[in-house]
Amino acid sequence: MTANEVLEALRPLGEEKYKNLLFRNYGVKEPCFGVRIAELKKLQKRIKKDYQLALDLYDTGNYDAMYLAGLIADDARMTKADLRRWVEGAYAGSLPGTTVATVAAGSPHGQELALEWIESPKPLVAAAGLGDA
């Protein structure tokens, strides 16, 4: 699957009520379809691990796609540059403290980056280092 194909698969799964909850309570912003995590996990089972697709999905800036990227990322292949780019793009919701933190923790660079991020003056980057948003 390509990132565009995944986005097209995600679009009809979005729920306006869930999207509004993400916006109101977690600081999520557009683009976002409002796809529930249970639905993202169903896609994860179909896709399995896919390093390049995870990078491409995260780069879309779509919150649902970014979350899914963390579920399908091949942690062992993630470079420091990949993870640093992801943490800078982790703007809200579960992205910093869960998506990025989990992928980083599974990578060979997890401990080093966590120590770096914890010291960041940017609260969301520090949250990624702590694994807690």
N, C-alpha and C. Protein backbone atom coordinates (compact mmCIF):
# COMPACT_ATOMS: atom_id res chain seq x y z
N MET A 1 0.84 -1.19 0.00
CA MET A 1 0.00 0.00 0.00
C MET A 1 0.89 1.25 0.00
N THR A 2 0.37 2.29 -0.61
CA THR A 2 1.04 3.59 -0.57
C THR A 2 0.38 4.45 0.50
N ALA A 3 1.04 5.54 0.83
CA ALA A 3 0.46 6.46 1.82
C ALA A 3 -0.88 7.00 1.33
N ASN A 4 -0.99 7.31 0.06
CA ASN A 4 -2.27 7.81 -0.47
C ASN A 4 -3.36 6.76 -0.37
N GLU A 5 -3.03 5.51 -0.63
CA GLU A 5 -4.02 4.44 -0.51
C GLU A 5 -4.46 4.28 0.94
N VAL A 6 -3.53 4.39 1.86
CA VAL A 6 -3.89 4.28 3.28
C VAL A 6 -4.78 5.45 3.68
N LEU A 7 -4.45 6.65 3.24
CA LEU A 7 -5.30 7.81 3.56
C LEU A 7 -6.72 7.61 3.04
N GLU A 8 -6.82 7.06 1.83
CA GLU A 8 -8.16 6.80 1.27
C GLU A 8 -8.89 5.71 2.05
N ALA A 9 -8.17 4.76 2.60
CA ALA A 9 -8.78 3.73 3.44
C ALA A 9 -9.20 4.30 4.79
N LEU A 10 -8.45 5.27 5.30
CA LEU A 10 -8.76 5.88 6.60
C LEU A 10 -9.96 6.82 6.54
N ARG A 11 -10.07 7.56 5.46
CA ARG A 11 -11.10 8.61 5.34
C ARG A 11 -12.50 8.14 5.75
N PRO A 12 -13.02 7.04 5.18
CA PRO A 12 -14.39 6.63 5.55
C PRO A 12 -14.50 6.06 6.97
N LEU A 13 -13.39 5.77 7.61
CA LEU A 13 -13.41 5.24 8.97
C LEU A 13 -13.52 6.33 10.03
N GLY A 14 -13.33 7.57 9.61
CA GLY A 14 -13.37 8.69 10.54
C GLY A 14 -14.75 8.94 11.10
N GLU A 15 -14.79 9.40 12.32
CA GLU A 15 -16.06 9.74 12.99
C GLU A 15 -15.96 11.18 13.50
N GLU A 16 -16.91 11.98 13.12
CA GLU A 16 -16.91 13.39 13.50
C GLU A 16 -16.89 13.58 15.02
N LYS A 17 -17.65 12.76 15.73
CA LYS A 17 -17.71 12.86 17.19
C LYS A 17 -16.33 12.58 17.81
N TYR A 18 -15.65 11.55 17.33
CA TYR A 18 -14.33 11.21 17.85
C TYR A 18 -13.32 12.29 17.46
N LYS A 19 -13.43 12.77 16.25
CA LYS A 19 -12.55 13.85 15.78
C LYS A 19 -12.69 15.07 16.69
N ASN A 20 -13.91 15.44 17.00
CA ASN A 20 -14.14 16.60 17.88
C ASN A 20 -13.56 16.37 19.26
N LEU A 21 -13.63 15.16 19.77
CA LEU A 21 -13.03 14.82 21.07
C LEU A 21 -11.52 15.00 21.00
N LEU A 22 -10.89 14.53 19.92
CA LEU A 22 -9.45 14.68 19.76
C LEU A 22 -9.07 16.16 19.71
N PHE A 23 -9.85 16.94 19.01
CA PHE A 23 -9.57 18.38 18.89
C PHE A 23 -9.72 19.07 20.24
N ARG A 24 -10.84 18.80 20.89
CA ARG A 24 -11.18 19.49 22.14
C ARG A 24 -10.26 19.09 23.30
N ASN A 25 -10.00 17.80 23.44
CA ASN A 25 -9.29 17.33 24.64
C ASN A 25 -7.80 17.10 24.46
N TYR A 26 -7.34 16.94 23.21
CA TYR A 26 -5.95 16.53 23.01
C TYR A 26 -5.16 17.44 22.08
N GLY A 27 -5.74 18.53 21.65
CA GLY A 27 -5.01 19.49 20.83
C GLY A 27 -4.74 19.06 19.41
N VAL A 28 -5.42 18.03 18.96
CA VAL A 28 -5.26 17.56 17.58
C VAL A 28 -5.86 18.61 16.66
N LYS A 29 -5.28 18.72 15.47
CA LYS A 29 -5.77 19.70 14.49
C LYS A 29 -5.86 19.04 13.12
N GLU A 30 -6.41 19.76 12.19
CA GLU A 30 -6.49 19.26 10.81
C GLU A 30 -5.10 19.15 10.23
N PRO A 31 -4.90 18.21 9.35
CA PRO A 31 -5.84 17.21 8.87
C PRO A 31 -5.99 16.04 9.84
N CYS A 32 -7.21 15.62 9.99
CA CYS A 32 -7.55 14.50 10.87
C CYS A 32 -8.92 13.99 10.45
N PHE A 33 -9.06 12.67 10.37
CA PHE A 33 -10.35 12.07 10.02
C PHE A 33 -11.14 11.66 11.25
N GLY A 34 -10.46 11.44 12.38
CA GLY A 34 -11.13 10.98 13.58
C GLY A 34 -11.34 9.47 13.59
N VAL A 35 -10.30 8.73 13.21
CA VAL A 35 -10.37 7.27 13.17
C VAL A 35 -10.01 6.73 14.55
N ARG A 36 -10.86 5.89 15.06
CA ARG A 36 -10.62 5.29 16.37
C ARG A 36 -9.41 4.34 16.32
N ILE A 37 -8.73 4.24 17.45
CA ILE A 37 -7.53 3.41 17.54
C ILE A 37 -7.83 1.96 17.18
N ALA A 38 -8.98 1.44 17.56
CA ALA A 38 -9.34 0.06 17.22
C ALA A 38 -9.33 -0.14 15.70
N GLU A 39 -9.78 0.85 14.96
CA GLU A 39 -9.78 0.76 13.50
C GLU A 39 -8.36 0.84 12.95
N LEU A 40 -7.52 1.69 13.56
CA LEU A 40 -6.13 1.79 13.14
C LEU A 40 -5.40 0.46 13.37
N LYS A 41 -5.73 -0.22 14.46
CA LYS A 41 -5.09 -1.50 14.76
C LYS A 41 -5.51 -2.58 13.76
N LYS A 42 -6.71 -2.49 13.22
CA LYS A 42 -7.12 -3.43 12.17
C LYS A 42 -6.26 -3.23 10.92
N LEU A 43 -6.01 -1.99 10.58
CA LEU A 43 -5.13 -1.71 9.44
C LEU A 43 -3.71 -2.18 9.73
N GLN A 44 -3.27 -1.97 10.95
CA GLN A 44 -1.94 -2.42 11.36
C GLN A 44 -1.78 -3.92 11.12
N LYS A 45 -2.80 -4.70 11.44
CA LYS A 45 -2.73 -6.15 11.24
C LYS A 45 -2.58 -6.51 9.77
N ARG A 46 -3.21 -5.73 8.89
CA ARG A 46 -3.10 -5.98 7.45
C ARG A 46 -1.74 -5.58 6.91
N ILE A 47 -1.23 -4.45 7.40
CA ILE A 47 0.02 -3.91 6.87
C ILE A 47 1.23 -4.58 7.50
N LYS A 48 1.14 -4.92 8.75
CA LYS A 48 2.26 -5.44 9.55
C LYS A 48 3.31 -4.33 9.77
N LYS A 49 4.59 -4.64 9.57
CA LYS A 49 5.66 -3.65 9.70
C LYS A 49 6.06 -3.17 8.30
N ASP A 50 6.20 -1.86 8.15
CA ASP A 50 6.61 -1.31 6.86
C ASP A 50 7.32 0.02 7.11
N TYR A 51 8.63 -0.05 7.12
CA TYR A 51 9.46 1.12 7.43
C TYR A 51 9.14 2.31 6.53
N GLN A 52 9.20 2.12 5.22
CA GLN A 52 9.01 3.24 4.31
C GLN A 52 7.59 3.79 4.36
N LEU A 53 6.61 2.91 4.43
CA LEU A 53 5.22 3.37 4.52
C LEU A 53 5.01 4.16 5.80
N ALA A 54 5.61 3.73 6.90
CA ALA A 54 5.49 4.48 8.16
C ALA A 54 6.06 5.89 8.00
N LEU A 55 7.22 6.01 7.38
CA LEU A 55 7.81 7.33 7.15
C LEU A 55 6.89 8.19 6.28
N ASP A 56 6.36 7.59 5.22
CA ASP A 56 5.50 8.32 4.30
C ASP A 56 4.20 8.76 4.98
N LEU A 57 3.62 7.88 5.79
CA LEU A 57 2.38 8.23 6.50
C LEU A 57 2.61 9.36 7.49
N TYR A 58 3.70 9.28 8.22
CA TYR A 58 3.99 10.33 9.20
C TYR A 58 4.15 11.68 8.50
N ASP A 59 4.78 11.66 7.34
CA ASP A 59 5.04 12.90 6.60
C ASP A 59 3.77 13.52 6.01
N THR A 60 2.65 12.79 6.00
CA THR A 60 1.41 13.38 5.48
C THR A 60 0.90 14.49 6.38
N GLY A 61 1.25 14.44 7.68
CA GLY A 61 0.73 15.42 8.62
C GLY A 61 -0.68 15.12 9.08
N ASN A 62 -1.29 14.07 8.56
CA ASN A 62 -2.63 13.66 8.99
C ASN A 62 -2.49 12.91 10.31
N TYR A 63 -3.21 13.36 11.34
CA TYR A 63 -3.06 12.78 12.68
C TYR A 63 -3.27 11.27 12.68
N ASP A 64 -4.33 10.81 12.02
CA ASP A 64 -4.63 9.38 12.00
C ASP A 64 -3.49 8.60 11.34
N ALA A 65 -2.99 9.12 10.24
CA ALA A 65 -1.90 8.47 9.51
C ALA A 65 -0.62 8.48 10.35
N MET A 66 -0.38 9.57 11.07
CA MET A 66 0.81 9.66 11.91
C MET A 66 0.74 8.64 13.04
N TYR A 67 -0.42 8.46 13.63
CA TYR A 67 -0.60 7.47 14.69
C TYR A 67 -0.38 6.07 14.13
N LEU A 68 -0.98 5.79 12.97
CA LEU A 68 -0.81 4.49 12.32
C LEU A 68 0.66 4.25 11.97
N ALA A 69 1.37 5.29 11.58
CA ALA A 69 2.79 5.16 11.26
C ALA A 69 3.56 4.57 12.44
N GLY A 70 3.23 5.02 13.63
CA GLY A 70 3.88 4.48 14.82
C GLY A 70 3.57 3.01 15.05
N LEU A 71 2.37 2.59 14.66
CA LEU A 71 1.99 1.19 14.84
C LEU A 71 2.70 0.27 13.85
N ILE A 72 3.00 0.76 12.66
CA ILE A 72 3.59 -0.10 11.63
C ILE A 72 5.09 0.13 11.45
N ALA A 73 5.65 1.09 12.15
CA ALA A 73 7.07 1.40 11.99
C ALA A 73 7.93 0.19 12.35
N ASP A 74 8.99 0.01 11.59
CA ASP A 74 9.98 -1.01 11.90
C ASP A 74 11.01 -0.32 12.80
N ASP A 75 10.79 -0.41 14.10
CA ASP A 75 11.60 0.32 15.08
C ASP A 75 13.10 0.12 14.86
N ALA A 76 13.50 -1.09 14.56
CA ALA A 76 14.91 -1.40 14.41
C ALA A 76 15.56 -0.66 13.25
N ARG A 77 14.77 -0.28 12.25
CA ARG A 77 15.31 0.42 11.08
C ARG A 77 15.26 1.94 11.22
N MET A 78 14.57 2.43 12.23
CA MET A 78 14.45 3.88 12.39
C MET A 78 15.81 4.49 12.73
N THR A 79 16.17 5.52 11.99
CA THR A 79 17.43 6.21 12.22
C THR A 79 17.22 7.33 13.23
N LYS A 80 18.31 7.86 13.74
CA LYS A 80 18.20 9.02 14.62
C LYS A 80 17.54 10.17 13.89
N ALA A 81 17.90 10.36 12.63
CA ALA A 81 17.30 11.46 11.85
C ALA A 81 15.80 11.25 11.70
N ASP A 82 15.36 10.02 11.44
CA ASP A 82 13.92 9.72 11.34
C ASP A 82 13.22 10.11 12.64
N LEU A 83 13.77 9.65 13.73
CA LEU A 83 13.13 9.86 15.03
C LEU A 83 13.15 11.34 15.43
N ARG A 84 14.21 12.02 15.12
CA ARG A 84 14.26 13.46 15.42
C ARG A 84 13.22 14.21 14.58
N ARG A 85 13.06 13.81 13.33
CA ARG A 85 12.03 14.45 12.49
C ARG A 85 10.64 14.16 13.05
N TRP A 86 10.43 12.93 13.49
CA TRP A 86 9.13 12.57 14.05
C TRP A 86 8.84 13.35 15.32
N VAL A 87 9.81 13.48 16.21
CA VAL A 87 9.54 14.18 17.46
C VAL A 87 9.24 15.65 17.21
N GLU A 88 9.89 16.23 16.22
CA GLU A 88 9.61 17.64 15.89
C GLU A 88 8.21 17.82 15.30
N GLY A 89 7.70 16.78 14.66
CA GLY A 89 6.36 16.84 14.08
C GLY A 89 5.26 16.39 15.03
N ALA A 90 5.63 15.89 16.19
CA ALA A 90 4.65 15.37 17.16
C ALA A 90 4.03 16.53 17.93
N TYR A 91 2.96 17.05 17.40
CA TYR A 91 2.41 18.31 17.89
C TYR A 91 1.36 18.18 18.98
N ALA A 92 0.75 17.02 19.13
CA ALA A 92 -0.35 16.91 20.11
C ALA A 92 -0.81 15.47 20.25
N GLY A 93 -1.84 15.32 21.08
CA GLY A 93 -2.46 14.01 21.26
C GLY A 93 -1.46 12.99 21.74
N SER A 94 -1.56 11.80 21.22
CA SER A 94 -0.68 10.70 21.62
C SER A 94 0.62 10.67 20.84
N LEU A 95 0.83 11.59 19.93
CA LEU A 95 2.03 11.53 19.10
C LEU A 95 3.33 11.61 19.88
N PRO A 96 3.52 12.60 20.76
CA PRO A 96 4.82 12.67 21.44
C PRO A 96 5.04 11.55 22.47
N GLY A 97 4.13 11.40 23.38
CA GLY A 97 4.33 10.50 24.51
C GLY A 97 4.07 9.04 24.24
N THR A 98 3.39 8.74 23.14
CA THR A 98 3.10 7.35 22.82
C THR A 98 3.71 6.95 21.49
N THR A 99 3.26 7.55 20.41
CA THR A 99 3.72 7.14 19.08
C THR A 99 5.23 7.25 18.95
N VAL A 100 5.77 8.45 19.11
CA VAL A 100 7.21 8.66 18.94
C VAL A 100 7.99 7.95 20.04
N ALA A 101 7.53 8.07 21.27
CA ALA A 101 8.26 7.46 22.39
C ALA A 101 8.35 5.95 22.25
N THR A 102 7.28 5.30 21.83
CA THR A 102 7.28 3.85 21.68
C THR A 102 8.20 3.39 20.56
N VAL A 103 8.13 4.08 19.43
CA VAL A 103 8.99 3.71 18.31
C VAL A 103 10.45 3.95 18.67
N ALA A 104 10.72 5.07 19.30
CA ALA A 104 12.10 5.37 19.71
C ALA A 104 12.61 4.32 20.70
N ALA A 105 11.77 3.93 21.65
CA ALA A 105 12.17 2.95 22.65
C ALA A 105 12.53 1.61 22.03
N GLY A 106 11.88 1.27 20.93
CA GLY A 106 12.17 0.02 20.25
C GLY A 106 13.33 0.10 19.29
N SER A 107 13.86 1.28 19.11
CA SER A 107 14.97 1.46 18.18
C SER A 107 16.31 1.33 18.91
N PRO A 108 17.39 1.19 18.16
CA PRO A 108 18.70 1.14 18.80
C PRO A 108 19.12 2.48 19.42
N HIS A 109 18.37 3.53 19.12
CA HIS A 109 18.73 4.88 19.56
C HIS A 109 17.86 5.38 20.71
N GLY A 110 16.98 4.53 21.21
CA GLY A 110 15.98 4.94 22.19
C GLY A 110 16.54 5.61 23.43
N GLN A 111 17.47 4.98 24.09
CA GLN A 111 17.98 5.55 25.34
C GLN A 111 18.70 6.87 25.08
N GLU A 112 19.53 6.92 24.08
CA GLU A 112 20.27 8.14 23.77
C GLU A 112 19.32 9.30 23.45
N LEU A 113 18.32 9.03 22.62
CA LEU A 113 17.39 10.10 22.25
C LEU A 113 16.50 10.49 23.42
N ALA A 114 16.08 9.53 24.22
CA ALA A 114 15.26 9.86 25.39
C ALA A 114 15.99 10.83 26.31
N LEU A 115 17.26 10.56 26.55
CA LEU A 115 18.04 11.46 27.40
C LEU A 115 18.19 12.84 26.77
N GLU A 116 18.34 12.88 25.47
CA GLU A 116 18.42 14.16 24.75
C GLU A 116 17.09 14.92 24.83
N TRP A 117 16.00 14.19 24.58
CA TRP A 117 14.69 14.84 24.52
C TRP A 117 14.22 15.31 25.90
N ILE A 118 14.53 14.56 26.93
CA ILE A 118 14.10 14.94 28.29
C ILE A 118 14.60 16.34 28.64
N GLU A 119 15.76 16.69 28.14
CA GLU A 119 16.37 17.99 28.44
C GLU A 119 15.83 19.13 27.56
N SER A 120 14.94 18.81 26.64
CA SER A 120 14.45 19.82 25.71
C SER A 120 13.58 20.86 26.42
N PRO A 121 13.72 22.13 26.03
CA PRO A 121 12.83 23.16 26.56
C PRO A 121 11.43 23.09 25.95
N LYS A 122 11.28 22.29 24.90
CA LYS A 122 9.97 22.11 24.26
C LYS A 122 9.21 21.02 25.02
N PRO A 123 8.09 21.36 25.64
CA PRO A 123 7.38 20.38 26.47
C PRO A 123 7.00 19.09 25.76
N LEU A 124 6.60 19.16 24.50
CA LEU A 124 6.20 17.94 23.81
C LEU A 124 7.38 17.07 23.44
N VAL A 125 8.51 17.67 23.18
CA VAL A 125 9.73 16.89 22.92
C VAL A 125 10.16 16.22 24.23
N ALA A 126 10.12 16.96 25.32
CA ALA A 126 10.46 16.38 26.63
C ALA A 126 9.51 15.24 26.97
N ALA A 127 8.23 15.38 26.62
CA ALA A 127 7.26 14.31 26.87
C ALA A 127 7.62 13.04 26.11
N ALA A 128 8.14 13.21 24.90
CA ALA A 128 8.58 12.04 24.12
C ALA A 128 9.75 11.35 24.82
N GLY A 129 10.62 12.11 25.42
CA GLY A 129 11.74 11.54 26.15
C GLY A 129 11.29 10.79 27.39
N LEU A 130 10.23 11.28 27.99
CA LEU A 130 9.69 10.62 29.18
C LEU A 130 8.75 9.48 28.83
N GLY A 131 8.27 9.49 27.57
CA GLY A 131 7.28 8.48 27.19
C GLY A 131 5.94 8.75 27.83
N ASP A 132 5.64 10.04 28.01
CA ASP A 132 4.42 10.42 28.72
C ASP A 132 3.99 11.80 28.25
N ALA A 133 2.84 11.86 27.60
CA ALA A 133 2.36 13.16 27.12
C ALA A 133 1.39 13.77 28.10
